[in-house]
Amino acid sequence: MITEGVLNALRCPRCRSSLTPGMDGSTPAGEELRCIACAQVFPIIGGVPRMADVTGLAREVAKSFGFQWRARFGRLFERNTLYGLSAEEERQAFFEAMGIRPEGLTGKMVLDAGCGDGFLLGILGQYPAEIVGIDINTSIEIPRRRCIHLANVTVLQADIFAAPFVAASFDYVWCEGVLPLAEDPRKGFQALSDLVKPGGRLYIWVYPSENLSIYQHLRDLFRVAHMLPRWFLLPVCYGLALPLSLARRVLRPHAHRESLASVAFALFDNLSPHLQKRHTVTEVRTWFEEAGFSDLKQTGLVGMSGTRMR
C-alpha cells in the first residue's frame, strides 16, 4: 500500500513529474503508477512499485543482494539477528547513530535507502511516522512481506541514484553500507542529501579504508570470490566461518559472540559484491560539510550523521 503522504512525495525518476495510480482502462487501479507528463508506467508487483531502471553493475548488485536476502529469508543465514544485532540492538543503534530520541520520529517521514529485507523498516514502523524503504535488489517483495501489517510502511524498488522523490521530502534519511557498492559513492551521497529537509538528518555508513575488519582482509585475500556462483559461494562462506568463529572464541573469549550463521552472512556480504569502495573519516566528513550539513556525529569507524542547514 502507498500512503497519500508517500504518493504526494513520489516523482517520475525520468522526468521528475508527479505520479498517479494508473487508471487508463488497460490495467485495474492499484496495479501501476503512471507519470502524468511522460506517461511512463511503473507496475506494482506483489504490492511493490517497480521504479528502478537497473543496468550494468547495478544489475549485478541487485542480483547478488537479491540472492543474499532470499537466503536469509529462507533461514540459510542468521534469521533473528542482522549482522549479529538483535532487533532491540538495531533499534538502539539507529537512534544512537542518527543522534535523535525515539519521540523525534513522531509525525516525521523516514527513508531507509537500501532497506535490504526490511529488518529496520519493521522496527521503525512501530513508531507514529511515515516509513519508506527503497532498494534495487531482486527480492524486494521480502521487506514488503515483513511489513505488510504496518500501514505506515511503504516499500519501493528504486535506485538511490535516481530516487523517485521530490527534493527535501524526508526528515531522516538512513543509508548503511550501500554507497560503497556503487562506482561513484559520492554521487550517491549527493543524491541522498538532496532528499533531506532543511533541519533534517542524514546518516551513512561506508567501509573504512583504515583499520580493516577481518571480513575486508578476507575479501582482499579472495579477490575473485564475487565471480563464483552464489549457490557455491554460500557454503564456502560457512566453510570459512567455522575456523573464524573458533579463532575468535580463543583469541577474544570475552567479546560478543556472533553465531556461525551471522559470521557466514557477514562473509557473504563482503565477498559477493563486485565492488567495495573504502573511505576515510576525513573524506566522509568533507562530503557532509560541502553539502551544507552541520552537527556531525561519528559512529564507529566510518558512520556519520549530520543536520542539513536551514
Foldseek 3Di string as FASTA:
>chain_A
DQDPLRQVFFAQLPPRAHKDFDDPPPDDGPQWIAGPPPRDIFGQDLNATERAPADDQRVLVQALLLVLLVCQVVVVFDPQAALQHHLVRVVVVVCVLQVHDLVVQAAFEEEEEACRQQSVVLSNLVHNHQYEYEAQHPNQSRNCVSCVVRPRYHYYHYHLLRGRGDFQSGQEYEYEADLQLDPDSLSSVLSRLRNHHAQGKYKYFAAAPPPHDPLLVVCVVVVCLQVDDLVVSLVVLLVVLVVVQVVCCVVPVPDDRGDSSSSSSSNSVSNRRNGGDHDFCVVVVVSQVVSQWDPWDDDPGRMIMTGHHD
